[in-house]
C-alpha atoms as a PDB file:
ATOM      1  CA  MET A   1     -47.566  74.133 141.796  1.00  0.00           C
ATOM      2  CA  ASN A   2     -43.858  71.936 141.520  1.00  0.00           C
ATOM      3  CA  LYS A   3     -41.222  74.643 141.052  1.00  0.00           C
ATOM      4  CA  VAL A   4     -38.896  73.517 138.520  1.00  0.00           C
ATOM      5  CA  LEU A   5     -35.006  72.758 138.633  1.00  0.00           C
ATOM      6  CA  PRO A   6     -34.255  73.258 135.236  1.00  0.00           C
ATOM      7  CA  ILE A   7     -32.293  69.504 133.417  1.00  0.00           C
ATOM      8  CA  PHE A   8     -29.467  70.821 131.010  1.00  0.00           C
ATOM      9  CA  SER A   9     -29.304  68.145 127.987  1.00  0.00           C
ATOM     10  CA  LEU A  10     -26.917  68.325 125.748  1.00  0.00           C
ATOM     11  CA  ILE A  11     -28.131  66.452 123.226  1.00  0.00           C
ATOM     12  CA  SER A  12     -30.030  70.173 121.712  1.00  0.00           C
ATOM     13  CA  ALA A  13     -26.104  71.236 122.109  1.00  0.00           C
ATOM     14  CA  THR A  14     -24.112  68.440 120.068  1.00  0.00           C
ATOM     15  CA  GLN A  15     -24.902  65.710 118.213  1.00  0.00           C
ATOM     16  CA  ARG A  16     -20.486  64.710 119.420  1.00  0.00           C
ATOM     17  CA  GLY A  17     -21.996  62.819 122.837  1.00  0.00           C
ATOM     18  CA  TRP A  18     -19.373  65.380 124.489  1.00  0.00           C
ATOM     19  CA  GLU A  19     -18.852  69.334 124.433  1.00  0.00           C
ATOM     20  CA  ILE A  20     -16.462  70.898 125.694  1.00  0.00           C
ATOM     21  CA  SER A  21     -15.543  74.585 127.241  1.00  0.00           C
ATOM     22  CA  ASN A  22     -12.906  76.349 128.101  1.00  0.00           C
ATOM     23  CA  TYR A  23     -13.250  79.960 130.682  1.00  0.00           C
ATOM     24  CA  GLN A  24     -10.057  82.423 131.310  1.00  0.00           C
ATOM     25  CA  THR A  25     -10.135  84.244 134.501  1.00  0.00           C
ATOM     26  CA  LEU A  26     -13.821  83.223 135.794  1.00  0.00           C
ATOM     27  CA  GLU A  27     -14.949  85.947 138.092  1.00  0.00           C
ATOM     28  CA  ASN A  28     -17.971  85.767 140.722  1.00  0.00           C
ATOM     29  CA  ALA A  29     -19.603  88.091 138.137  1.00  0.00           C
ATOM     30  CA  ASP A  30     -19.289  85.497 134.937  1.00  0.00           C
ATOM     31  CA  LEU A  31     -20.332  82.546 136.563  1.00  0.00           C
ATOM     32  CA  ILE A  32     -21.719  79.988 134.025  1.00  0.00           C
ATOM     33  CA  PHE A  33     -24.057  78.231 136.682  1.00  0.00           C
ATOM     34  CA  LYS A  34     -26.382  81.101 138.248  1.00  0.00           C
ATOM     35  CA  ALA A  35     -28.886  79.245 139.006  1.00  0.00           C
ATOM     36  CA  LEU A  36     -29.533  75.725 140.944  1.00  0.00           C
ATOM     37  CA  HIS A  37     -29.536  73.135 137.740  1.00  0.00           C
ATOM     38  CA  ARG A  38     -28.976  69.025 136.911  1.00  0.00           C
ATOM     39  CA  ASP A  39     -27.323  67.068 133.958  1.00  0.00           C
ATOM     40  CA  ASP A  40     -28.621  64.611 132.121  1.00  0.00           C
ATOM     41  CA  HIS A  41     -24.662  63.580 131.871  1.00  0.00           C
ATOM     42  CA  TYR A  42     -21.034  63.945 133.408  1.00  0.00           C
ATOM     43  CA  ILE A  43     -19.486  66.911 133.790  1.00  0.00           C
ATOM     44  CA  PHE A  44     -15.398  66.983 134.314  1.00  0.00           C
ATOM     45  CA  VAL A  45     -14.332  70.712 135.578  1.00  0.00           C
ATOM     46  CA  PHE A  46     -10.406  70.676 135.122  1.00  0.00           C
ATOM     47  CA  GLN A  47      -9.524  73.526 137.073  1.00  0.00           C
ATOM     48  CA  GLN A  48      -6.223  74.205 136.339  1.00  0.00           C
ATOM     49  CA  GLU A  49      -5.291  77.829 138.978  1.00  0.00           C
ATOM     50  CA  GLY A  50      -7.672  79.611 141.052  1.00  0.00           C
ATOM     51  CA  ARG A  51     -10.093  78.998 143.179  1.00  0.00           C
ATOM     52  CA  SER A  52     -13.899  78.100 143.182  1.00  0.00           C
ATOM     53  CA  GLN A  53     -16.730  76.817 145.331  1.00  0.00           C
ATOM     54  CA  ILE A  54     -19.461  74.768 144.087  1.00  0.00           C
ATOM     55  CA  MET A  55     -22.636  73.176 145.589  1.00  0.00           C
ATOM     56  CA  LEU A  56     -22.883  69.966 144.809  1.00  0.00           C
ATOM     57  CA  ASP A  57     -25.974  67.686 146.638  1.00  0.00           C
ATOM     58  CA  PHE A  58     -26.476  70.746 149.636  1.00  0.00           C
ATOM     59  CA  GLU A  59     -22.711  70.533 150.214  1.00  0.00           C
ATOM     60  CA  THR A  60     -19.798  73.053 149.698  1.00  0.00           C
ATOM     61  CA  VAL A  61     -17.258  71.783 147.923  1.00  0.00           C
ATOM     62  CA  GLU A  62     -14.129  73.804 147.705  1.00  0.00           C
ATOM     63  CA  ILE A  63     -11.560  73.945 144.320  1.00  0.00           C
ATOM     64  CA  ASN A  64      -8.428  75.468 144.948  1.00  0.00           C
ATOM     65  CA  GLY A  65      -5.397  75.008 142.698  1.00  0.00           C
ATOM     66  CA  ALA A  66      -5.520  72.556 139.665  1.00  0.00           C
ATOM     67  CA  ALA A  67      -8.324  69.723 140.310  1.00  0.00           C
ATOM     68  CA  ILE A  68     -10.562  68.193 138.896  1.00  0.00           C
ATOM     69  CA  LEU A  69     -13.912  67.701 139.862  1.00  0.00           C
ATOM     70  CA  CYS A  70     -16.872  65.374 139.071  1.00  0.00           C
ATOM     71  CA  ILE A  71     -20.471  65.676 138.530  1.00  0.00           C
ATOM     72  CA  LEU A  72     -22.631  63.046 137.928  1.00  0.00           C
ATOM     73  CA  PRO A  73     -25.229  63.605 136.323  1.00  0.00           C
ATOM     74  CA  GLY A  74     -28.510  64.273 138.242  1.00  0.00           C
ATOM     75  CA  GLN A  75     -26.779  65.185 140.871  1.00  0.00           C
ATOM     76  CA  ALA A  76     -28.215  69.305 141.855  1.00  0.00           C
ATOM     77  CA  HIS A  77     -25.134  71.520 141.960  1.00  0.00           C
ATOM     78  CA  GLN A  78     -24.412  75.289 141.275  1.00  0.00           C
ATOM     79  CA  GLY A  79     -21.639  77.358 141.162  1.00  0.00           C
ATOM     80  CA  ILE A  80     -20.812  79.762 144.216  1.00  0.00           C
ATOM     81  CA  LEU A  81     -17.540  80.870 144.118  1.00  0.00           C
ATOM     82  CA  ALA A  82     -15.294  81.442 141.077  1.00  0.00           C
ATOM     83  CA  GLU A  83     -11.652  84.380 142.062  1.00  0.00           C
ATOM     84  CA  HIS A  84      -8.961  83.552 139.151  1.00  0.00           C
ATOM     85  CA  VAL A  85      -9.956  80.821 137.660  1.00  0.00           C
ATOM     86  CA  ASP A  86      -8.604  79.240 134.619  1.00  0.00           C
ATOM     87  CA  ALA A  87     -11.178  75.652 133.926  1.00  0.00           C
ATOM     88  CA  TRP A  88     -12.100  73.901 131.603  1.00  0.00           C
ATOM     89  CA  PHE A  89     -15.812  72.035 131.463  1.00  0.00           C
ATOM     90  CA  PHE A  90     -15.641  68.921 129.628  1.00  0.00           C
ATOM     91  CA  ALA A  91     -19.808  67.465 128.858  1.00  0.00           C
ATOM     92  CA  VAL A  92     -20.050  63.601 128.303  1.00  0.00           C
ATOM     93  CA  ASN A  93     -23.327  62.564 127.552  1.00  0.00           C
ATOM     94  CA  PRO A  94     -23.418  59.189 130.172  1.00  0.00           C
ATOM     95  CA  GLU A  95     -23.941  56.512 126.902  1.00  0.00           C
ATOM     96  CA  MET A  96     -20.198  57.641 125.430  1.00  0.00           C
ATOM     97  CA  VAL A  97     -18.957  57.007 128.565  1.00  0.00           C
ATOM     98  CA  LYS A  98     -17.140  53.582 129.132  1.00  0.00           C
ATOM     99  CA  ASP A  99     -19.484  50.846 131.921  1.00  0.00           C
ATOM    100  CA  SER A 100     -16.475  50.314 133.422  1.00  0.00           C
ATOM    101  CA  PHE A 101     -15.725  54.236 133.978  1.00  0.00           C
ATOM    102  CA  ARG A 102     -19.338  54.695 134.803  1.00  0.00           C
ATOM    103  CA  HIS A 103     -18.860  52.485 137.354  1.00  0.00           C
ATOM    104  CA  PHE A 104     -15.873  53.769 138.766  1.00  0.00           C
ATOM    105  CA  PHE A 105     -17.666  57.422 139.197  1.00  0.00           C
ATOM    106  CA  GLU A 106     -20.802  56.307 140.225  1.00  0.00           C
ATOM    107  CA  GLU A 107     -19.077  54.517 143.500  1.00  0.00           C
ATOM    108  CA  LEU A 108     -16.493  56.900 144.098  1.00  0.00           C
ATOM    109  CA  VAL A 109     -17.318  59.535 143.854  1.00  0.00           C
ATOM    110  CA  PRO A 110     -20.336  60.546 146.668  1.00  0.00           C
ATOM    111  CA  GLN A 111     -16.851  59.778 148.238  1.00  0.00           C
ATOM    112  CA  THR A 112     -14.417  61.256 147.202  1.00  0.00           C
ATOM    113  CA  LYS A 113     -15.807  64.425 144.518  1.00  0.00           C
ATOM    114  CA  LEU A 114     -12.237  65.240 143.478  1.00  0.00           C
ATOM    115  CA  VAL A 115      -9.065  65.103 143.394  1.00  0.00           C
ATOM    116  CA  SER A 116      -6.029  67.525 143.223  1.00  0.00           C
ATOM    117  CA  LEU A 117      -3.030  67.210 139.887  1.00  0.00           C
ATOM    118  CA  ALA A 118       0.154  67.351 141.118  1.00  0.00           C
ATOM    119  CA  PHE A 119       2.331  69.978 137.954  1.00  0.00           C
ATOM    120  CA  ASN A 120       3.657  67.135 135.752  1.00  0.00           C
ATOM    121  CA  GLU A 121      -0.297  65.862 135.223  1.00  0.00           C
ATOM    122  CA  VAL A 122      -2.237  69.849 134.967  1.00  0.00           C
ATOM    123  CA  GLN A 123       0.564  69.400 131.790  1.00  0.00           C
ATOM    124  CA  THR A 124      -1.150  66.221 130.504  1.00  0.00           C
ATOM    125  CA  VAL A 125      -4.501  66.509 130.976  1.00  0.00           C
ATOM    126  CA  THR A 126      -4.502  70.345 129.497  1.00  0.00           C
ATOM    127  CA  LYS A 127      -2.490  68.401 126.475  1.00  0.00           C
ATOM    128  CA  MET A 128      -6.473  65.978 126.826  1.00  0.00           C
ATOM    129  CA  MET A 129      -8.953  69.321 126.732  1.00  0.00           C
ATOM    130  CA  GLU A 130      -6.695  70.922 123.695  1.00  0.00           C
ATOM    131  CA  LEU A 131      -7.345  68.625 121.852  1.00  0.00           C
ATOM    132  CA  LEU A 132     -11.015  67.187 122.465  1.00  0.00           C
ATOM    133  CA  SER A 133     -11.241  71.590 121.399  1.00  0.00           C
ATOM    134  CA  TYR A 134      -9.626  71.714 118.332  1.00  0.00           C
ATOM    135  CA  MET A 135     -11.697  68.257 117.208  1.00  0.00           C
ATOM    136  CA  SER A 136     -14.986  69.798 118.070  1.00  0.00           C
ATOM    137  CA  ASN A 137     -14.223  72.933 115.738  1.00  0.00           C
ATOM    138  CA  GLN A 138     -13.624  70.629 112.916  1.00  0.00           C
ATOM    139  CA  PRO A 139     -16.110  70.307 110.342  1.00  0.00           C
ATOM    140  CA  ASN A 140     -17.563  66.451 110.042  1.00  0.00           C
ATOM    141  CA  GLU A 141     -17.201  65.074 107.519  1.00  0.00           C
ATOM    142  CA  SER A 142     -16.535  61.962 107.282  1.00  0.00           C
ATOM    143  CA  CYS A 143     -17.716  58.852 109.711  1.00  0.00           C
ATOM    144  CA  SER A 144     -14.947  58.131 110.424  1.00  0.00           C
ATOM    145  CA  LEU A 145     -14.664  62.334 112.665  1.00  0.00           C
ATOM    146  CA  ASP A 146     -17.412  60.070 114.671  1.00  0.00           C
ATOM    147  CA  GLU A 147     -14.624  57.772 115.634  1.00  0.00           C
ATOM    148  CA  ILE A 148     -12.570  59.832 116.248  1.00  0.00           C
ATOM    149  CA  ASN A 149     -14.267  61.503 118.322  1.00  0.00           C
ATOM    150  CA  ARG A 150     -15.057  58.593 120.585  1.00  0.00           C
ATOM    151  CA  SER A 151     -12.388  57.384 121.337  1.00  0.00           C
ATOM    152  CA  LEU A 152     -10.612  60.841 122.277  1.00  0.00           C
ATOM    153  CA  SER A 153     -13.498  61.084 124.229  1.00  0.00           C
ATOM    154  CA  ASP A 154     -12.679  57.558 125.640  1.00  0.00           C
ATOM    155  CA  ALA A 155      -8.865  58.390 126.122  1.00  0.00           C
ATOM    156  CA  CYS A 156      -9.464  61.916 128.175  1.00  0.00           C
ATOM    157  CA  ILE A 157     -11.986  60.439 130.504  1.00  0.00           C
ATOM    158  CA  GLY A 158      -9.688  57.122 131.715  1.00  0.00           C
ATOM    159  CA  VAL A 159      -6.757  59.950 131.931  1.00  0.00           C
ATOM    160  CA  ILE A 160      -9.475  61.153 134.391  1.00  0.00           C
ATOM    161  CA  VAL A 161      -9.772  57.871 136.019  1.00  0.00           C
ATOM    162  CA  ASN A 162      -6.092  57.157 136.333  1.00  0.00           C
ATOM    163  CA  GLU A 163      -6.231  60.533 138.756  1.00  0.00           C
ATOM    164  CA  PHE A 164      -8.569  59.403 140.583  1.00  0.00           C
ATOM    165  CA  LYS A 165      -7.380  55.620 141.280  1.00  0.00           C
ATOM    166  CA  LYS A 166      -3.901  57.532 141.708  1.00  0.00           C
ATOM    167  CA  LEU A 167      -5.740  59.227 145.048  1.00  0.00           C
ATOM    168  CA  ILE A 168      -7.117  55.907 146.561  1.00  0.00           C
ATOM    169  CA  GLY A 169      -4.058  53.830 145.669  1.00  0.00           C
ATOM    170  CA  PRO A 170      -4.010  50.244 144.608  1.00  0.00           C
ATOM    171  CA  GLU A 171      -6.185  47.650 146.026  1.00  0.00           C
ATOM    172  CA  ASN A 172      -5.468  45.875 148.886  1.00  0.00           C
ATOM    173  CA  PRO A 173      -5.514  42.232 147.026  1.00  0.00           C
ATOM    174  CA  ASN A 174      -7.017  41.341 151.409  1.00  0.00           C
ATOM    175  CA  LEU A 175      -9.369  42.852 150.460  1.00  0.00           C
ATOM    176  CA  SER A 176     -10.302  41.839 146.775  1.00  0.00           C
ATOM    177  CA  ARG A 177     -13.512  40.042 147.778  1.00  0.00           C
ATOM    178  CA  THR A 178     -14.674  42.938 149.954  1.00  0.00           C
ATOM    179  CA  VAL A 179     -14.548  45.164 147.796  1.00  0.00           C
ATOM    180  CA  MET A 180     -16.104  43.566 144.942  1.00  0.00           C
ATOM    181  CA  ILE A 181     -18.397  43.063 147.198  1.00  0.00           C
ATOM    182  CA  THR A 182     -19.017  46.955 148.784  1.00  0.00           C
ATOM    183  CA  LYS A 183     -19.039  47.577 144.466  1.00  0.00           C
ATOM    184  CA  LYS A 184     -21.314  45.851 143.254  1.00  0.00           C
ATOM    185  CA  PHE A 185     -23.467  46.681 146.637  1.00  0.00           C
ATOM    186  CA  ARG A 186     -23.061  49.887 145.823  1.00  0.00           C
ATOM    187  CA  SER A 187     -24.309  49.309 141.848  1.00  0.00           C
ATOM    188  CA  LEU A 188     -27.372  48.298 143.284  1.00  0.00           C
ATOM    189  CA  LEU A 189     -27.999  50.749 145.306  1.00  0.00           C
ATOM    190  CA  LEU A 190     -28.118  53.095 142.989  1.00  0.00           C
ATOM    191  CA  LYS A 191     -30.819  51.193 141.583  1.00  0.00           C
ATOM    192  CA  SER A 192     -32.698  49.765 143.332  1.00  0.00           C
ATOM    193  CA  PHE A 193     -33.337  52.092 146.487  1.00  0.00           C
ATOM    194  CA  ARG A 194     -36.603  53.507 146.667  1.00  0.00           C
ATOM    195  CA  THR A 195     -37.689  49.470 146.360  1.00  0.00           C
ATOM    196  CA  MET A 196     -34.597  48.054 148.300  1.00  0.00           C
ATOM    197  CA  LYS A 197     -33.837  49.704 151.892  1.00  0.00           C
ATOM    198  CA  SER A 198     -32.558  46.850 154.666  1.00  0.00           C
ATOM    199  CA  PRO A 199     -28.868  45.712 153.722  1.00  0.00           C
ATOM    200  CA  SER A 200     -30.879  41.682 153.948  1.00  0.00           C
ATOM    201  CA  ASP A 201     -32.834  42.812 150.517  1.00  0.00           C
ATOM    202  CA  TYR A 202     -29.257  43.405 149.691  1.00  0.00           C
ATOM    203  CA  ALA A 203     -27.671  40.970 151.098  1.00  0.00           C
ATOM    204  CA  SER A 204     -30.305  37.914 149.741  1.00  0.00           C
ATOM    205  CA  SER A 205     -29.601  40.282 145.556  1.00  0.00           C
ATOM    206  CA  LEU A 206     -25.944  39.163 145.891  1.00  0.00           C
ATOM    207  CA  SER A 207     -26.976  35.900 147.406  1.00  0.00           C
ATOM    208  CA  ILE A 208     -24.589  36.365 149.983  1.00  0.00           C
ATOM    209  CA  SER A 209     -25.896  36.777 153.997  1.00  0.00           C
ATOM    210  CA  PRO A 210     -26.878  40.406 155.200  1.00  0.00           C
ATOM    211  CA  SER A 211     -23.931  39.850 158.408  1.00  0.00           C
ATOM    212  CA  TYR A 212     -21.318  39.610 155.852  1.00  0.00           C
ATOM    213  CA  LEU A 213     -22.094  42.015 153.198  1.00  0.00           C
ATOM    214  CA  ASN A 214     -22.281  44.671 156.352  1.00  0.00           C
ATOM    215  CA  GLU A 215     -18.686  43.439 157.415  1.00  0.00           C
ATOM    216  CA  ALA A 216     -17.825  43.806 153.915  1.00  0.00           C
ATOM    217  CA  VAL A 217     -19.036  47.008 153.479  1.00  0.00           C
ATOM    218  CA  LYS A 218     -17.599  48.402 156.732  1.00  0.00           C
ATOM    219  CA  LYS A 219     -14.211  46.403 156.351  1.00  0.00           C
ATOM    220  CA  THR A 220     -14.536  48.597 152.310  1.00  0.00           C
ATOM    221  CA  THR A 221     -15.556  52.177 153.329  1.00  0.00           C
ATOM    222  CA  GLY A 222     -15.901  52.328 156.895  1.00  0.00           C
ATOM    223  CA  PHE A 223     -20.596  52.719 157.143  1.00  0.00           C
ATOM    224  CA  SER A 224     -22.368  50.021 157.221  1.00  0.00           C
ATOM    225  CA  ALA A 225     -24.617  49.004 154.842  1.00  0.00           C
ATOM    226  CA  SER A 226     -27.719  50.172 156.878  1.00  0.00           C
ATOM    227  CA  TYR A 227     -25.529  54.627 156.472  1.00  0.00           C
ATOM    228  CA  TRP A 228     -25.102  54.142 153.171  1.00  0.00           C
ATOM    229  CA  ILE A 229     -29.084  53.089 151.810  1.00  0.00           C
ATOM    230  CA  ASN A 230     -30.273  55.803 154.264  1.00  0.00           C
ATOM    231  CA  GLN A 231     -27.460  58.650 152.817  1.00  0.00           C
ATOM    232  CA  GLU A 232     -28.750  57.170 149.112  1.00  0.00           C
ATOM    233  CA  VAL A 233     -32.820  57.785 150.745  1.00  0.00           C
ATOM    234  CA  VAL A 234     -32.229  61.444 152.103  1.00  0.00           C
ATOM    235  CA  LEU A 235     -30.326  62.632 149.163  1.00  0.00           C
ATOM    236  CA  GLU A 236     -32.910  61.727 146.758  1.00  0.00           C
ATOM    237  CA  ALA A 237     -35.313  63.311 149.246  1.00  0.00           C
ATOM    238  CA  LYS A 238     -33.868  66.355 149.768  1.00  0.00           C
ATOM    239  CA  ARG A 239     -33.411  66.997 146.068  1.00  0.00           C
ATOM    240  CA  ILE A 240     -37.009  66.404 145.907  1.00  0.00           C
ATOM    241  CA  LEU A 241     -38.123  68.489 148.611  1.00  0.00           C
ATOM    242  CA  PHE A 242     -35.882  71.502 147.552  1.00  0.00           C
ATOM    243  CA  HIS A 243     -36.919  71.593 143.252  1.00  0.00           C
ATOM    244  CA  THR A 244     -40.420  70.337 144.185  1.00  0.00           C
ATOM    245  CA  ASP A 245     -43.087  71.634 146.439  1.00  0.00           C
ATOM    246  CA  ALA A 246     -44.702  67.880 146.967  1.00  0.00           C
ATOM    247  CA  SER A 247     -45.492  67.460 150.822  1.00  0.00           C
ATOM    248  CA  VAL A 248     -43.300  65.400 153.697  1.00  0.00           C
ATOM    249  CA  LYS A 249     -45.942  62.410 153.393  1.00  0.00           C
ATOM    250  CA  GLU A 250     -46.247  62.911 148.601  1.00  0.00           C
ATOM    251  CA  VAL A 251     -41.802  62.173 149.159  1.00  0.00           C
ATOM    252  CA  ALA A 252     -42.152  59.692 151.620  1.00  0.00           C
ATOM    253  CA  GLU A 253     -44.061  57.862 148.624  1.00  0.00           C
ATOM    254  CA  GLN A 254     -42.076  58.622 145.964  1.00  0.00           C
ATOM    255  CA  LEU A 255     -39.390  56.857 148.376  1.00  0.00           C
ATOM    256  CA  GLY A 256     -41.031  53.981 149.175  1.00  0.00           C
ATOM    257  CA  TYR A 257     -42.275  54.305 152.886  1.00  0.00           C
ATOM    258  CA  GLU A 258     -46.166  53.999 153.614  1.00  0.00           C
ATOM    259  CA  ASP A 259     -44.601  55.641 156.826  1.00  0.00           C
ATOM    260  CA  TYR A 260     -44.446  58.921 156.386  1.00  0.00           C
ATOM    261  CA  SER A 261     -43.919  59.571 159.846  1.00  0.00           C
ATOM    262  CA  TYR A 262     -41.078  56.944 159.878  1.00  0.00           C
ATOM    263  CA  PHE A 263     -39.587  58.890 156.994  1.00  0.00           C
ATOM    264  CA  THR A 264     -39.228  61.844 158.745  1.00  0.00           C
ATOM    265  CA  ARG A 265     -37.279  60.465 161.539  1.00  0.00           C
ATOM    266  CA  VAL A 266     -35.184  59.000 159.158  1.00  0.00           C
ATOM    267  CA  PHE A 267     -34.442  61.947 157.202  1.00  0.00           C
ATOM    268  CA  THR A 268     -33.330  63.940 160.695  1.00  0.00           C
ATOM    269  CA  LYS A 269     -31.847  62.055 162.078  1.00  0.00           C
ATOM    270  CA  ILE A 270     -28.910  61.422 158.701  1.00  0.00           C
ATOM    271  CA  ALA A 271     -29.365  65.548 158.179  1.00  0.00           C
ATOM    272  CA  GLY A 272     -29.473  66.825 161.541  1.00  0.00           C
ATOM    273  CA  MET A 273     -33.217  68.498 160.958  1.00  0.00           C
ATOM    274  CA  SER A 274     -36.432  67.626 160.127  1.00  0.00           C
ATOM    275  CA  PRO A 275     -37.449  67.255 156.233  1.00  0.00           C
ATOM    276  CA  ILE A 276     -39.905  70.984 156.217  1.00  0.00           C
ATOM    277  CA  THR A 277     -36.516  72.137 158.190  1.00  0.00           C
ATOM    278  CA  PHE A 278     -34.589  71.084 155.864  1.00  0.00           C
ATOM    279  CA  ARG A 279     -37.056  72.667 153.026  1.00  0.00           C
ATOM    280  CA  ILE A 280     -37.085  76.400 154.759  1.00  0.00           C
ATOM    281  CA  ASN A 281     -33.660  76.587 155.264  1.00  0.00           C
ATOM    282  CA  TYR A 282     -32.514  75.620 151.837  1.00  0.00           C
ATOM    283  CA  ARG A 283     -35.002  77.735 150.363  1.00  0.00           C
ATOM    284  CA  LYS A 284     -34.029  80.942 152.035  1.00  0.00           C
END
């Protein structure tokens, strides 16, 4: 029987499309994410101070001091450490996130999960969170309040996007074409990695040559298109292996591999261990 990993939804908690919570002096004993789970929505963790650790898709992310962490819908995560943490948790349904913002997070977050904040930046984000919190407690007595809440959510996410953009810096004009190709590739990859396994598949969909695709992706990210394809496949395989009792062959089939022995070789090369060893190690 499959182990079902909890998937939390905002629908049962609010009809607003977003929810905000504030935690003061959060400690290990009070961790709110006590079990590994997924969400069907975005979570922006705004830590004002303290030290914390979150396991995010089987990697430990440590947050020291003031920072923002973005957790994408579907990412497995669990709080594993909290020391004197003051933090806000801003949860937003995907349909409440503008396409431009959503694409930004989907492309950036797998590489850059969090951004540290300076004092003035902390003040700005804090004011946004406090305003959202205030509005969340207002009675919904008119349809205009829905528009206000949507606008406030857009503004807050826009501030968060701006902080991440400061981290990556302005785009080099000379890379604009390669950056655009890489963004389109990463967006297509997120949707198609189960059925499209080779750079030539993606190059064909983008109407460019495989060599040009690899050149663009490597120039922008430092890694080849094949690297990112395998990373996405192995990440999803890890999720399935941890959350279910599916056999390696069944996992391979779910990810579009007819030859599960080949899938095993790919997984072992990327993860540094076999699928079975991964499942045993992470279920201890």
